[in-house]
């Protein structure tokens, strides 16, 4: 579905915590209606903070934000009516059954009677929890709790769905099933999805527009394919015996830079990464060059451009997803009052 208009506009958003931490540093972006939009970045990049601001759970320090045409500062209640959100931690009440959790969320959204019953049954089928619908959520697996959280966020048929790292901590099979649900929601129901993730595969598969962020700043944006084309070359990652010594590493980088076809050489997580348009054809040249310098290679790997290479080019490090230990917790999905500024 093509974007008809911008459902989210963000201009120069800044969020500074009470201790002086600059969590978000002047980011701007647009999300088109019906789009599958994503933030990709490591823990601490500012992804969750941005989500909390957009869902009215955290007051911004400065900047201008509108959601579905409503000003974030003037119309937070109107925004809450239109959005659903799933946080990193599972929030299902373990003392309630899956069905009761969904009914509770519907009641909080002023839904009652047959319409709510029908919607709950529809969602239980969607997330494949019909067989355990009347069991306490405390006994659900991690993947089942995540799927229940997703269903809870959809009870009131939101126009816009915020997902803050929805598959963190899940096994690959559960993660793939969540992806299928999300693709269907966006494709078949036209729900706009705003996703944050640490997983490059997730961002690559789901997002049509992607912003890569680090330390509260946008470092690149575009479709996944556009971003990968920005790399413009294959990557060669290698390490050298003794490479932890500055002199050895510097000589290795100089040797690599002198090989024909290598366009750029950077440090990467203790090793060295080079970019080359004909990587597979120059491996032999690399090995010979290091042999001539009596430098022993401990590893060498080739790869096609990835989203991680964009992050690496800009920051000199790779995104390494950190798994969270998700625990069930009771609580409302949206605060009824905005928290005081920290």
Foldseek 3Di string as FASTA:
>chain_A
DDFPAFQKWWFQFWAAAPVGQTQAGTDTDTFGQLFAEEEAEAPSQNPVVVVCQQLLQAPTPDTWMHGRNHTSVPCNVVSNLAEFEFAPFQAFDQVFFLLVSLVVLCVVSVDDDPLLVVLSVVLCVLLVNVVRRRPGPQPDDPLVSLSSSVSSRCSSPHQEYEYEASCFQHDPVSVVSVLVSVVCCSVPVSRHYYYYHNDQVSQLPGGQKYFYTGSNYTQDIGGQVVLLVVLVFKKKKWAWVVLQDPVVVVVLQVLVVPFPQWDDWAAEPSTIMTGGRPVVVCPVVSVVSCVVVVIGIPDMDIGRGGNQVSVCVRPVYGRDYDGDDHDHHHDHSHDPDHDDRD
